[in-house]
N, C-alpha and C. Protein backbone atom coordinates (compact mmCIF):
# COMPACT_ATOMS: atom_id res chain seq x y z
N MET A 1 -56.05 -177.57 -101.76
CA MET A 1 -57.41 -177.97 -102.02
C MET A 1 -57.92 -177.22 -103.25
N ARG A 2 -58.49 -177.94 -104.19
CA ARG A 2 -58.95 -177.32 -105.43
C ARG A 2 -60.38 -176.84 -105.28
N ARG A 3 -60.67 -175.79 -106.02
CA ARG A 3 -62.03 -175.26 -106.02
C ARG A 3 -62.88 -176.04 -107.01
N MET A 4 -64.13 -176.15 -106.65
CA MET A 4 -65.07 -176.77 -107.57
C MET A 4 -65.40 -175.76 -108.67
N ALA A 5 -65.79 -176.23 -109.82
CA ALA A 5 -66.08 -175.35 -110.94
C ALA A 5 -67.31 -174.48 -110.68
N THR A 6 -68.23 -174.95 -109.81
CA THR A 6 -69.46 -174.19 -109.56
C THR A 6 -69.29 -173.16 -108.46
N GLU A 7 -68.17 -173.16 -107.72
CA GLU A 7 -67.96 -172.18 -106.65
C GLU A 7 -67.74 -170.80 -107.23
N ARG A 8 -68.34 -169.81 -106.57
CA ARG A 8 -68.16 -168.43 -107.00
C ARG A 8 -67.53 -167.66 -105.86
N ARG A 9 -66.92 -166.54 -106.20
CA ARG A 9 -66.31 -165.70 -105.18
C ARG A 9 -67.38 -165.01 -104.36
N MET A 10 -67.05 -164.73 -103.12
CA MET A 10 -67.96 -164.04 -102.22
C MET A 10 -68.11 -162.58 -102.66
N PRO A 11 -69.34 -162.05 -102.69
CA PRO A 11 -69.50 -160.63 -103.05
C PRO A 11 -68.80 -159.73 -102.02
N VAL A 12 -68.35 -158.58 -102.48
CA VAL A 12 -67.60 -157.66 -101.63
C VAL A 12 -68.47 -157.17 -100.47
N SER A 13 -69.74 -156.94 -100.71
CA SER A 13 -70.62 -156.46 -99.64
C SER A 13 -70.74 -157.48 -98.51
N LEU A 14 -70.83 -158.76 -98.87
CA LEU A 14 -70.92 -159.80 -97.86
C LEU A 14 -69.60 -159.91 -97.10
N LEU A 15 -68.49 -159.78 -97.80
CA LEU A 15 -67.18 -159.82 -97.15
C LEU A 15 -67.04 -158.66 -96.17
N MET A 16 -67.47 -157.47 -96.57
CA MET A 16 -67.38 -156.30 -95.67
C MET A 16 -68.26 -156.50 -94.44
N GLU A 17 -69.45 -157.05 -94.61
CA GLU A 17 -70.31 -157.30 -93.46
C GLU A 17 -69.68 -158.29 -92.49
N ARG A 18 -69.02 -159.30 -93.02
CA ARG A 18 -68.34 -160.26 -92.15
C ARG A 18 -67.18 -159.61 -91.40
N ILE A 19 -66.42 -158.80 -92.10
CA ILE A 19 -65.30 -158.11 -91.46
C ILE A 19 -65.80 -157.16 -90.39
N LEU A 20 -66.86 -156.43 -90.69
CA LEU A 20 -67.41 -155.49 -89.71
C LEU A 20 -67.99 -156.18 -88.49
N SER A 21 -68.61 -157.33 -88.70
CA SER A 21 -69.15 -158.06 -87.54
C SER A 21 -68.01 -158.60 -86.68
N VAL A 22 -66.93 -159.04 -87.30
CA VAL A 22 -65.77 -159.49 -86.53
C VAL A 22 -65.15 -158.32 -85.76
N MET A 23 -65.09 -157.15 -86.39
CA MET A 23 -64.57 -155.96 -85.70
C MET A 23 -65.42 -155.63 -84.49
N THR A 24 -66.73 -155.73 -84.63
CA THR A 24 -67.63 -155.42 -83.53
C THR A 24 -67.44 -156.40 -82.38
N VAL A 25 -67.33 -157.67 -82.70
CA VAL A 25 -67.14 -158.69 -81.66
C VAL A 25 -65.80 -158.50 -80.97
N LEU A 26 -64.72 -158.28 -81.74
CA LEU A 26 -63.41 -158.07 -81.13
C LEU A 26 -63.38 -156.81 -80.28
N GLY A 27 -64.02 -155.75 -80.74
CA GLY A 27 -64.09 -154.53 -79.95
C GLY A 27 -64.82 -154.74 -78.64
N SER A 28 -65.92 -155.47 -78.69
CA SER A 28 -66.68 -155.75 -77.47
C SER A 28 -65.87 -156.61 -76.50
N ILE A 29 -65.16 -157.59 -77.03
CA ILE A 29 -64.33 -158.44 -76.18
C ILE A 29 -63.22 -157.63 -75.52
N CYS A 30 -62.58 -156.76 -76.30
CA CYS A 30 -61.52 -155.92 -75.74
C CYS A 30 -62.06 -155.01 -74.65
N LEU A 31 -63.24 -154.44 -74.86
CA LEU A 31 -63.84 -153.59 -73.85
C LEU A 31 -64.19 -154.38 -72.58
N CYS A 32 -64.73 -155.56 -72.77
CA CYS A 32 -65.15 -156.38 -71.62
C CYS A 32 -63.96 -156.90 -70.82
N ILE A 33 -62.83 -157.10 -71.46
CA ILE A 33 -61.64 -157.54 -70.74
C ILE A 33 -60.87 -156.35 -70.19
N GLY A 34 -60.86 -155.25 -70.92
CA GLY A 34 -60.08 -154.08 -70.51
C GLY A 34 -60.61 -153.39 -69.27
N VAL A 35 -61.91 -153.30 -69.12
CA VAL A 35 -62.49 -152.61 -67.96
C VAL A 35 -62.12 -153.31 -66.65
N PRO A 36 -62.35 -154.63 -66.52
CA PRO A 36 -61.95 -155.27 -65.25
C PRO A 36 -60.44 -155.23 -65.00
N LEU A 37 -59.65 -155.35 -66.07
CA LEU A 37 -58.20 -155.28 -65.88
C LEU A 37 -57.78 -153.90 -65.37
N TYR A 38 -58.35 -152.88 -65.95
CA TYR A 38 -58.01 -151.53 -65.51
C TYR A 38 -58.43 -151.31 -64.06
N ILE A 39 -59.64 -151.72 -63.72
CA ILE A 39 -60.14 -151.54 -62.35
C ILE A 39 -59.29 -152.35 -61.37
N ALA A 40 -58.96 -153.59 -61.72
CA ALA A 40 -58.13 -154.41 -60.83
C ALA A 40 -56.73 -153.81 -60.69
N GLY A 41 -56.18 -153.31 -61.78
CA GLY A 41 -54.86 -152.70 -61.72
C GLY A 41 -54.83 -151.47 -60.84
N ARG A 42 -55.88 -150.66 -60.93
CA ARG A 42 -55.95 -149.46 -60.08
C ARG A 42 -56.23 -149.83 -58.63
N ALA A 43 -57.08 -150.83 -58.40
CA ALA A 43 -57.44 -151.22 -57.04
C ALA A 43 -56.25 -151.82 -56.29
N PHE A 44 -55.47 -152.66 -56.97
CA PHE A 44 -54.34 -153.31 -56.32
C PHE A 44 -53.03 -152.57 -56.56
N ASP A 45 -53.09 -151.41 -57.19
CA ASP A 45 -51.94 -150.56 -57.44
C ASP A 45 -50.85 -151.29 -58.22
N VAL A 46 -51.28 -151.97 -59.29
CA VAL A 46 -50.35 -152.65 -60.19
C VAL A 46 -50.41 -151.91 -61.53
N PHE A 47 -49.37 -151.13 -61.81
CA PHE A 47 -49.37 -150.25 -62.97
C PHE A 47 -49.44 -151.03 -64.28
N THR A 48 -48.73 -152.15 -64.37
CA THR A 48 -48.69 -152.92 -65.61
C THR A 48 -50.08 -153.45 -65.98
N VAL A 49 -50.79 -153.97 -65.00
CA VAL A 49 -52.13 -154.51 -65.27
C VAL A 49 -53.07 -153.38 -65.68
N ALA A 50 -52.97 -152.24 -65.01
CA ALA A 50 -53.81 -151.09 -65.38
C ALA A 50 -53.48 -150.61 -66.78
N GLN A 51 -52.20 -150.63 -67.12
CA GLN A 51 -51.78 -150.17 -68.45
C GLN A 51 -52.29 -151.11 -69.54
N VAL A 52 -52.23 -152.41 -69.31
CA VAL A 52 -52.76 -153.37 -70.28
C VAL A 52 -54.27 -153.18 -70.42
N GLY A 53 -54.95 -152.93 -69.30
CA GLY A 53 -56.39 -152.67 -69.36
C GLY A 53 -56.72 -151.45 -70.19
N VAL A 54 -55.92 -150.39 -70.04
CA VAL A 54 -56.17 -149.18 -70.82
C VAL A 54 -55.92 -149.43 -72.30
N PHE A 55 -54.87 -150.17 -72.63
CA PHE A 55 -54.60 -150.47 -74.03
C PHE A 55 -55.74 -151.28 -74.64
N LEU A 56 -56.25 -152.25 -73.90
CA LEU A 56 -57.38 -153.03 -74.41
C LEU A 56 -58.62 -152.16 -74.56
N LEU A 57 -58.84 -151.26 -73.61
CA LEU A 57 -59.97 -150.33 -73.73
C LEU A 57 -59.83 -149.46 -74.98
N LEU A 58 -58.65 -148.95 -75.23
CA LEU A 58 -58.44 -148.11 -76.40
C LEU A 58 -58.63 -148.88 -77.70
N ILE A 59 -58.09 -150.09 -77.76
CA ILE A 59 -58.26 -150.91 -78.96
C ILE A 59 -59.74 -151.21 -79.20
N GLY A 60 -60.45 -151.59 -78.14
CA GLY A 60 -61.88 -151.87 -78.27
C GLY A 60 -62.66 -150.65 -78.71
N ALA A 61 -62.33 -149.49 -78.12
CA ALA A 61 -63.03 -148.27 -78.49
C ALA A 61 -62.77 -147.90 -79.95
N VAL A 62 -61.54 -148.06 -80.40
CA VAL A 62 -61.20 -147.73 -81.79
C VAL A 62 -61.96 -148.66 -82.75
N LEU A 63 -62.03 -149.94 -82.43
CA LEU A 63 -62.75 -150.88 -83.30
C LEU A 63 -64.24 -150.54 -83.37
N ILE A 64 -64.83 -150.23 -82.23
CA ILE A 64 -66.25 -149.88 -82.21
C ILE A 64 -66.50 -148.56 -82.94
N ILE A 65 -65.61 -147.58 -82.75
CA ILE A 65 -65.77 -146.29 -83.43
C ILE A 65 -65.63 -146.46 -84.94
N MET A 66 -64.68 -147.30 -85.38
CA MET A 66 -64.55 -147.55 -86.82
C MET A 66 -65.82 -148.17 -87.38
N ARG A 67 -66.42 -149.07 -86.64
CA ARG A 67 -67.67 -149.71 -87.08
C ARG A 67 -68.79 -148.69 -87.18
N ILE A 68 -68.88 -147.80 -86.20
CA ILE A 68 -69.92 -146.77 -86.22
C ILE A 68 -69.70 -145.80 -87.37
N LEU A 69 -68.45 -145.42 -87.61
CA LEU A 69 -68.16 -144.51 -88.72
C LEU A 69 -68.50 -145.15 -90.07
N TYR A 70 -68.17 -146.43 -90.22
CA TYR A 70 -68.53 -147.12 -91.47
C TYR A 70 -70.04 -147.16 -91.65
N TRP A 71 -70.76 -147.44 -90.58
CA TRP A 71 -72.22 -147.49 -90.65
C TRP A 71 -72.78 -146.12 -91.03
N THR A 72 -72.22 -145.05 -90.44
CA THR A 72 -72.67 -143.70 -90.74
C THR A 72 -72.41 -143.36 -92.20
N MET A 73 -71.22 -143.68 -92.70
CA MET A 73 -70.89 -143.42 -94.10
C MET A 73 -71.81 -144.20 -95.03
N GLU A 74 -72.10 -145.42 -94.67
CA GLU A 74 -72.99 -146.24 -95.49
C GLU A 74 -74.39 -145.61 -95.57
N GLU A 75 -74.87 -145.07 -94.44
CA GLU A 75 -76.17 -144.41 -94.43
C GLU A 75 -76.14 -143.14 -95.29
N LEU A 76 -75.06 -142.36 -95.19
CA LEU A 76 -74.96 -141.13 -95.96
C LEU A 76 -74.92 -141.41 -97.46
N VAL A 77 -74.16 -142.44 -97.84
CA VAL A 77 -74.09 -142.79 -99.26
C VAL A 77 -75.45 -143.29 -99.74
N GLY A 78 -76.12 -144.08 -98.91
CA GLY A 78 -77.45 -144.57 -99.29
C GLY A 78 -78.44 -143.44 -99.48
N ARG A 79 -78.40 -142.45 -98.59
CA ARG A 79 -79.30 -141.30 -98.74
C ARG A 79 -78.93 -140.47 -99.95
N GLY A 80 -77.63 -140.34 -100.22
CA GLY A 80 -77.19 -139.59 -101.40
C GLY A 80 -77.65 -140.26 -102.69
N LEU A 81 -77.57 -141.57 -102.73
CA LEU A 81 -78.03 -142.29 -103.92
C LEU A 81 -79.54 -142.20 -104.07
N ASP A 82 -80.26 -142.23 -102.94
CA ASP A 82 -81.71 -142.09 -103.00
C ASP A 82 -82.13 -140.73 -103.50
N SER A 83 -81.42 -139.67 -103.09
CA SER A 83 -81.78 -138.33 -103.54
C SER A 83 -81.42 -138.11 -105.01
N MET A 84 -80.42 -138.83 -105.51
CA MET A 84 -80.05 -138.71 -106.93
C MET A 84 -81.08 -139.35 -107.83
N GLU A 85 -81.78 -140.38 -107.32
CA GLU A 85 -82.77 -141.08 -108.13
C GLU A 85 -84.04 -140.25 -108.32
N GLU A 86 -84.29 -139.32 -107.42
CA GLU A 86 -85.54 -138.53 -107.50
C GLU A 86 -85.49 -137.50 -108.57
């Protein structure tokens, strides 16, 4: 499929926001699926199900933590730029 001559590339900031929102959604989904799997695996004494639940919990937690760290860094850089302007 060819691009139209008037199409422009997406700005990097918009691309990052889209990626971060996808990370947040995937992290939330992993957490929401991982908790019941872990609980069910422990309740019915099925090690494999509990292990999959823990892996999903870890993946979800890592994605959410990465999102929070990026947000924190963005705030720090914004404050640093604001203090440089004064």
